[in-house]
Amino acid sequence: MSPFGSLGRVLIIFGGCLVLAGLLMLVAPRIPWIGRLPGDIIVRKKNFTFYFPLATSIVLSVLLTVLFNLFRR
């Protein structure tokens, strides 16, 4: 395979990942529990807000690990 063929394949995969990320960003606000789980850290001061979605990150990490392990086998 020529170098341009493999580069084209990489670009197509990268573009598909960008499309999936864009779709996820469009759909994510409609999922009510994302970002509001118990364990997510929110600190609000007068003119400062710090948000760290700890529990959401753990849940998404576990789900993605399970999905990737299912597809790898």
PDB file of N, CA and C in Angstrom:
ATOM      1  N   MET A   1       0.847  -1.170   0.000  1.00  0.00           N
ATOM      2  CA  MET A   1       0.000   0.000   0.000  1.00  0.00           C
ATOM      3  C   MET A   1       0.897   1.240   0.000  1.00  0.00           C
ATOM      4  N   SER A   2       0.515   2.209  -0.761  1.00  0.00           N
ATOM      5  CA  SER A   2       1.311   3.425  -0.859  1.00  0.00           C
ATOM      6  C   SER A   2       1.177   4.258   0.415  1.00  0.00           C
ATOM      7  N   PRO A   3       2.129   5.147   0.658  1.00  0.00           N
ATOM      8  CA  PRO A   3       2.038   5.986   1.868  1.00  0.00           C
ATOM      9  C   PRO A   3       0.780   6.857   1.883  1.00  0.00           C
ATOM     10  N   PHE A   4       0.321   7.258   0.703  1.00  0.00           N
ATOM     11  CA  PHE A   4      -0.881   8.089   0.663  1.00  0.00           C
ATOM     12  C   PHE A   4      -2.128   7.290   1.012  1.00  0.00           C
ATOM     13  N   GLY A   5      -2.138   6.016   0.716  1.00  0.00           N
ATOM     14  CA  GLY A   5      -3.280   5.164   1.062  1.00  0.00           C
ATOM     15  C   GLY A   5      -3.429   5.027   2.561  1.00  0.00           C
ATOM     16  N   SER A   6      -2.321   4.800   3.262  1.00  0.00           N
ATOM     17  CA  SER A   6      -2.396   4.673   4.714  1.00  0.00           C
ATOM     18  C   SER A   6      -2.707   6.021   5.362  1.00  0.00           C
ATOM     19  N   LEU A   7      -2.198   7.111   4.789  1.00  0.00           N
ATOM     20  CA  LEU A   7      -2.514   8.441   5.306  1.00  0.00           C
ATOM     21  C   LEU A   7      -4.000   8.734   5.121  1.00  0.00           C
ATOM     22  N   GLY A   8      -4.545   8.341   3.981  1.00  0.00           N
ATOM     23  CA  GLY A   8      -5.968   8.538   3.737  1.00  0.00           C
ATOM     24  C   GLY A   8      -6.824   7.768   4.729  1.00  0.00           C
ATOM     25  N   ARG A   9      -6.414   6.547   5.045  1.00  0.00           N
ATOM     26  CA  ARG A   9      -7.157   5.744   6.014  1.00  0.00           C
ATOM     27  C   ARG A   9      -7.124   6.395   7.393  1.00  0.00           C
ATOM     28  N   VAL A  10      -5.970   6.906   7.784  1.00  0.00           N
ATOM     29  CA  VAL A  10      -5.844   7.580   9.082  1.00  0.00           C
ATOM     30  C   VAL A  10      -6.719   8.828   9.125  1.00  0.00           C
ATOM     31  N   LEU A  11      -6.752   9.589   8.045  1.00  0.00           N
ATOM     32  CA  LEU A  11      -7.579  10.788   7.998  1.00  0.00           C
ATOM     33  C   LEU A  11      -9.061  10.468   8.073  1.00  0.00           C
ATOM     34  N   ILE A  12      -9.485   9.387   7.430  1.00  0.00           N
ATOM     35  CA  ILE A  12     -10.887   8.973   7.485  1.00  0.00           C
ATOM     36  C   ILE A  12     -11.259   8.558   8.907  1.00  0.00           C
ATOM     37  N   ILE A  13     -10.399   7.806   9.577  1.00  0.00           N
ATOM     38  CA  ILE A  13     -10.661   7.392  10.956  1.00  0.00           C
ATOM     39  C   ILE A  13     -10.707   8.608  11.877  1.00  0.00           C
ATOM     40  N   PHE A  14      -9.774   9.534  11.689  1.00  0.00           N
ATOM     41  CA  PHE A  14      -9.746  10.755  12.503  1.00  0.00           C
ATOM     42  C   PHE A  14     -11.014  11.584  12.285  1.00  0.00           C
ATOM     43  N   GLY A  15     -11.456  11.685  11.045  1.00  0.00           N
ATOM     44  CA  GLY A  15     -12.687  12.415  10.741  1.00  0.00           C
ATOM     45  C   GLY A  15     -13.899  11.757  11.369  1.00  0.00           C
ATOM     46  N   GLY A  16     -13.951  10.439  11.342  1.00  0.00           N
ATOM     47  CA  GLY A  16     -15.057   9.723  11.980  1.00  0.00           C
ATOM     48  C   GLY A  16     -15.086   9.948  13.481  1.00  0.00           C
ATOM     49  N   CYS A  17     -13.909   9.973  14.099  1.00  0.00           N
ATOM     50  CA  CYS A  17     -13.842  10.248  15.536  1.00  0.00           C
ATOM     51  C   CYS A  17     -14.314  11.667  15.842  1.00  0.00           C
ATOM     52  N   LEU A  18     -13.979  12.627  14.985  1.00  0.00           N
ATOM     53  CA  LEU A  18     -14.441  14.001  15.177  1.00  0.00           C
ATOM     54  C   LEU A  18     -15.964  14.102  15.047  1.00  0.00           C
ATOM     55  N   VAL A  19     -16.529  13.370  14.097  1.00  0.00           N
ATOM     56  CA  VAL A  19     -17.986  13.371  13.923  1.00  0.00           C
ATOM     57  C   VAL A  19     -18.659  12.784  15.163  1.00  0.00           C
ATOM     58  N   LEU A  20     -18.129  11.669  15.674  1.00  0.00           N
ATOM     59  CA  LEU A  20     -18.704  11.063  16.874  1.00  0.00           C
ATOM     60  C   LEU A  20     -18.585  11.990  18.080  1.00  0.00           C
ATOM     61  N   ALA A  21     -17.458  12.678  18.217  1.00  0.00           N
ATOM     62  CA  ALA A  21     -17.288  13.624  19.325  1.00  0.00           C
ATOM     63  C   ALA A  21     -18.279  14.776  19.200  1.00  0.00           C
ATOM     64  N   GLY A  22     -18.502  15.257  17.993  1.00  0.00           N
ATOM     65  CA  GLY A  22     -19.469  16.326  17.780  1.00  0.00           C
ATOM     66  C   GLY A  22     -20.885  15.896  18.109  1.00  0.00           C
ATOM     67  N   LEU A  23     -21.245  14.691  17.704  1.00  0.00           N
ATOM     68  CA  LEU A  23     -22.574  14.176  18.029  1.00  0.00           C
ATOM     69  C   LEU A  23     -22.753  14.010  19.534  1.00  0.00           C
ATOM     70  N   LEU A  24     -21.706  13.548  20.201  1.00  0.00           N
ATOM     71  CA  LEU A  24     -21.767  13.397  21.650  1.00  0.00           C
ATOM     72  C   LEU A  24     -21.954  14.746  22.338  1.00  0.00           C
ATOM     73  N   MET A  25     -21.301  15.777  21.827  1.00  0.00           N
ATOM     74  CA  MET A  25     -21.458  17.116  22.413  1.00  0.00           C
ATOM     75  C   MET A  25     -22.859  17.674  22.187  1.00  0.00           C
ATOM     76  N   LEU A  26     -23.492  17.290  21.087  1.00  0.00           N
ATOM     77  CA  LEU A  26     -24.862  17.733  20.834  1.00  0.00           C
ATOM     78  C   LEU A  26     -25.874  17.012  21.718  1.00  0.00           C
ATOM     79  N   VAL A  27     -25.622  15.735  22.001  1.00  0.00           N
ATOM     80  CA  VAL A  27     -26.571  14.915  22.740  1.00  0.00           C
ATOM     81  C   VAL A  27     -26.351  15.018  24.254  1.00  0.00           C
ATOM     82  N   ALA A  28     -25.136  15.301  24.705  1.00  0.00           N
ATOM     83  CA  ALA A  28     -24.799  15.274  26.132  1.00  0.00           C
ATOM     84  C   ALA A  28     -25.666  16.189  26.998  1.00  0.00           C
ATOM     85  N   PRO A  29     -26.016  17.399  26.574  1.00  0.00           N
ATOM     86  CA  PRO A  29     -26.860  18.224  27.454  1.00  0.00           C
ATOM     87  C   PRO A  29     -28.262  17.648  27.682  1.00  0.00           C
ATOM     88  N   ARG A  30     -28.702  16.763  26.838  1.00  0.00           N
ATOM     89  CA  ARG A  30     -30.041  16.175  26.986  1.00  0.00           C
ATOM     90  C   ARG A  30     -30.050  14.990  27.948  1.00  0.00           C
ATOM     91  N   ILE A  31     -28.868  14.501  28.339  1.00  0.00           N
ATOM     92  CA  ILE A  31     -28.783  13.408  29.304  1.00  0.00           C
ATOM     93  C   ILE A  31     -28.729  14.044  30.688  1.00  0.00           C
ATOM     94  N   PRO A  32     -29.755  13.847  31.512  1.00  0.00           N
ATOM     95  CA  PRO A  32     -29.885  14.627  32.744  1.00  0.00           C
ATOM     96  C   PRO A  32     -28.844  14.328  33.815  1.00  0.00           C
ATOM     97  N   TRP A  33     -28.285  13.127  33.866  1.00  0.00           N
ATOM     98  CA  TRP A  33     -27.400  12.779  34.972  1.00  0.00           C
ATOM     99  C   TRP A  33     -25.936  13.091  34.710  1.00  0.00           C
ATOM    100  N   ILE A  34     -25.563  13.416  33.477  1.00  0.00           N
ATOM    101  CA  ILE A  34     -24.151  13.696  33.193  1.00  0.00           C
ATOM    102  C   ILE A  34     -23.765  15.026  33.827  1.00  0.00           C
ATOM    103  N   GLY A  35     -22.771  14.991  34.677  1.00  0.00           N
ATOM    104  CA  GLY A  35     -22.274  16.192  35.327  1.00  0.00           C
ATOM    105  C   GLY A  35     -22.993  16.566  36.600  1.00  0.00           C
ATOM    106  N   ARG A  36     -23.965  15.786  37.011  1.00  0.00           N
ATOM    107  CA  ARG A  36     -24.705  16.108  38.236  1.00  0.00           C
ATOM    108  C   ARG A  36     -24.791  14.909  39.167  1.00  0.00           C
ATOM    109  N   LEU A  37     -23.814  14.050  39.127  1.00  0.00           N
ATOM    110  CA  LEU A  37     -23.814  12.881  40.000  1.00  0.00           C
ATOM    111  C   LEU A  37     -23.323  13.254  41.392  1.00  0.00           C
ATOM    112  N   PRO A  38     -23.769  12.503  42.418  1.00  0.00           N
ATOM    113  CA  PRO A  38     -23.183  12.710  43.738  1.00  0.00           C
ATOM    114  C   PRO A  38     -21.699  12.340  43.665  1.00  0.00           C
ATOM    115  N   GLY A  39     -20.850  13.179  44.148  1.00  0.00           N
ATOM    116  CA  GLY A  39     -19.415  12.956  44.056  1.00  0.00           C
ATOM    117  C   GLY A  39     -18.740  13.928  43.109  1.00  0.00           C
ATOM    118  N   ASP A  40     -19.516  14.618  42.298  1.00  0.00           N
ATOM    119  CA  ASP A  40     -18.963  15.687  41.466  1.00  0.00           C
ATOM    120  C   ASP A  40     -18.708  16.896  42.367  1.00  0.00           C
ATOM    121  N   ILE A  41     -17.551  17.500  42.225  1.00  0.00           N
ATOM    122  CA  ILE A  41     -17.139  18.579  43.113  1.00  0.00           C
ATOM    123  C   ILE A  41     -17.444  19.924  42.459  1.00  0.00           C
ATOM    124  N   ILE A  42     -18.196  20.749  43.173  1.00  0.00           N
ATOM    125  CA  ILE A  42     -18.523  22.107  42.706  1.00  0.00           C
ATOM    126  C   ILE A  42     -18.227  23.076  43.849  1.00  0.00           C
ATOM    127  N   VAL A  43     -17.364  24.049  43.583  1.00  0.00           N
ATOM    128  CA  VAL A  43     -17.044  25.089  44.562  1.00  0.00           C
ATOM    129  C   VAL A  43     -17.457  26.417  43.948  1.00  0.00           C
ATOM    130  N   ARG A  44     -18.383  27.113  44.612  1.00  0.00           N
ATOM    131  CA  ARG A  44     -18.853  28.412  44.111  1.00  0.00           C
ATOM    132  C   ARG A  44     -18.481  29.497  45.107  1.00  0.00           C
ATOM    133  N   LYS A  45     -17.777  30.484  44.629  1.00  0.00           N
ATOM    134  CA  LYS A  45     -17.436  31.665  45.431  1.00  0.00           C
ATOM    135  C   LYS A  45     -18.136  32.860  44.801  1.00  0.00           C
ATOM    136  N   LYS A  46     -17.779  34.042  45.243  1.00  0.00           N
ATOM    137  CA  LYS A  46     -18.443  35.256  44.768  1.00  0.00           C
ATOM    138  C   LYS A  46     -18.399  35.370  43.240  1.00  0.00           C
ATOM    139  N   ASN A  47     -17.219  35.370  42.655  1.00  0.00           N
ATOM    140  CA  ASN A  47     -17.093  35.488  41.188  1.00  0.00           C
ATOM    141  C   ASN A  47     -16.207  34.381  40.617  1.00  0.00           C
ATOM    142  N   PHE A  48     -16.256  33.204  41.252  1.00  0.00           N
ATOM    143  CA  PHE A  48     -15.414  32.092  40.833  1.00  0.00           C
ATOM    144  C   PHE A  48     -16.192  30.795  41.017  1.00  0.00           C
ATOM    145  N   THR A  49     -16.154  29.925  40.018  1.00  0.00           N
ATOM    146  CA  THR A  49     -16.760  28.606  40.114  1.00  0.00           C
ATOM    147  C   THR A  49     -15.756  27.560  39.655  1.00  0.00           C
ATOM    148  N   PHE A  50     -15.536  26.567  40.500  1.00  0.00           N
ATOM    149  CA  PHE A  50     -14.653  25.451  40.159  1.00  0.00           C
ATOM    150  C   PHE A  50     -15.505  24.196  40.093  1.00  0.00           C
ATOM    151  N   TYR A  51     -15.412  23.471  38.989  1.00  0.00           N
ATOM    152  CA  TYR A  51     -16.218  22.278  38.789  1.00  0.00           C
ATOM    153  C   TYR A  51     -15.297  21.135  38.399  1.00  0.00           C
ATOM    154  N   PHE A  52     -15.362  20.037  39.147  1.00  0.00           N
ATOM    155  CA  PHE A  52     -14.572  18.851  38.839  1.00  0.00           C
ATOM    156  C   PHE A  52     -15.496  17.639  38.863  1.00  0.00           C
ATOM    157  N   PRO A  53     -15.834  17.079  37.698  1.00  0.00           N
ATOM    158  CA  PRO A  53     -16.793  15.972  37.633  1.00  0.00           C
ATOM    159  C   PRO A  53     -16.138  14.625  37.962  1.00  0.00           C
ATOM    160  N   LEU A  54     -15.810  14.408  39.217  1.00  0.00           N
ATOM    161  CA  LEU A  54     -15.094  13.204  39.637  1.00  0.00           C
ATOM    162  C   LEU A  54     -15.928  11.946  39.406  1.00  0.00           C
ATOM    163  N   ALA A  55     -17.145  11.905  39.918  1.00  0.00           N
ATOM    164  CA  ALA A  55     -17.984  10.710  39.786  1.00  0.00           C
ATOM    165  C   ALA A  55     -18.358  10.452  38.323  1.00  0.00           C
ATOM    166  N   THR A  56     -18.647  11.506  37.590  1.00  0.00           N
ATOM    167  CA  THR A  56     -18.975  11.347  36.172  1.00  0.00           C
ATOM    168  C   THR A  56     -17.794  10.775  35.405  1.00  0.00           C
ATOM    169  N   SER A  57     -16.593  11.232  35.722  1.00  0.00           N
ATOM    170  CA  SER A  57     -15.389  10.721  35.056  1.00  0.00           C
ATOM    171  C   SER A  57     -15.175   9.237  35.352  1.00  0.00           C
ATOM    172  N   ILE A  58     -15.413   8.841  36.586  1.00  0.00           N
ATOM    173  CA  ILE A  58     -15.243   7.431  36.947  1.00  0.00           C
ATOM    174  C   ILE A  58     -16.265   6.561  36.233  1.00  0.00           C
ATOM    175  N   VAL A  59     -17.520   6.996  36.202  1.00  0.00           N
ATOM    176  CA  VAL A  59     -18.578   6.219  35.528  1.00  0.00           C
ATOM    177  C   VAL A  59     -18.279   6.087  34.036  1.00  0.00           C
ATOM    178  N   LEU A  60     -17.901   7.185  33.385  1.00  0.00           N
ATOM    179  CA  LEU A  60     -17.581   7.130  31.952  1.00  0.00           C
ATOM    180  C   LEU A  60     -16.357   6.265  31.690  1.00  0.00           C
ATOM    181  N   SER A  61     -15.372   6.305  32.569  1.00  0.00           N
ATOM    182  CA  SER A  61     -14.183   5.477  32.409  1.00  0.00           C
ATOM    183  C   SER A  61     -14.528   3.995  32.489  1.00  0.00           C
ATOM    184  N   VAL A  62     -15.363   3.623  33.440  1.00  0.00           N
ATOM    185  CA  VAL A  62     -15.773   2.219  33.566  1.00  0.00           C
ATOM    186  C   VAL A  62     -16.569   1.781  32.342  1.00  0.00           C
ATOM    187  N   LEU A  63     -17.512   2.613  31.889  1.00  0.00           N
ATOM    188  CA  LEU A  63     -18.304   2.261  30.703  1.00  0.00           C
ATOM    189  C   LEU A  63     -17.437   2.104  29.457  1.00  0.00           C
ATOM    190  N   LEU A  64     -16.512   3.035  29.238  1.00  0.00           N
ATOM    191  CA  LEU A  64     -15.640   2.936  28.066  1.00  0.00           C
ATOM    192  C   LEU A  64     -14.702   1.741  28.156  1.00  0.00           C
ATOM    193  N   THR A  65     -14.223   1.409  29.351  1.00  0.00           N
ATOM    194  CA  THR A  65     -13.368   0.233  29.521  1.00  0.00           C
ATOM    195  C   THR A  65     -14.119  -1.036  29.169  1.00  0.00           C
ATOM    196  N   VAL A  66     -15.352  -1.143  29.624  1.00  0.00           N
ATOM    197  CA  VAL A  66     -16.159  -2.323  29.310  1.00  0.00           C
ATOM    198  C   VAL A  66     -16.429  -2.404  27.809  1.00  0.00           C
ATOM    199  N   LEU A  67     -16.786  -1.289  27.183  1.00  0.00           N
ATOM    200  CA  LEU A  67     -17.054  -1.285  25.741  1.00  0.00           C
ATOM    201  C   LEU A  67     -15.817  -1.666  24.931  1.00  0.00           C
ATOM    202  N   PHE A  68     -14.669  -1.075  25.271  1.00  0.00           N
ATOM    203  CA  PHE A  68     -13.448  -1.385  24.528  1.00  0.00           C
ATOM    204  C   PHE A  68     -13.030  -2.839  24.717  1.00  0.00           C
ATOM    205  N   ASN A  69     -13.218  -3.390  25.897  1.00  0.00           N
ATOM    206  CA  ASN A  69     -12.885  -4.788  26.120  1.00  0.00           C
ATOM    207  C   ASN A  69     -13.815  -5.721  25.362  1.00  0.00           C
ATOM    208  N   LEU A  70     -15.086  -5.336  25.227  1.00  0.00           N
ATOM    209  CA  LEU A  70     -16.015  -6.154  24.448  1.00  0.00           C
ATOM    210  C   LEU A  70     -15.659  -6.140  22.963  1.00  0.00           C
ATOM    211  N   PHE A  71     -15.275  -4.973  22.437  1.00  0.00           N
ATOM    212  CA  PHE A  71     -14.951  -4.892  21.022  1.00  0.00           C
ATOM    213  C   PHE A  71     -13.591  -5.486  20.704  1.00  0.00           C
ATOM    214  N   ARG A  72     -12.693  -5.530  21.673  1.00  0.00           N
ATOM    215  CA  ARG A  72     -11.352  -6.055  21.408  1.00  0.00           C
ATOM    216  C   ARG A  72     -11.384  -7.570  21.264  1.00  0.00           C
ATOM    217  N   ARG A  73     -12.333  -8.235  21.915  1.00  0.00           N
ATOM    218  CA  ARG A  73     -12.392  -9.708  21.866  1.00  0.00           C
ATOM    219  C   ARG A  73     -13.077 -10.186  20.665  1.00  0.00           C
TER     220      ARG A  73
END
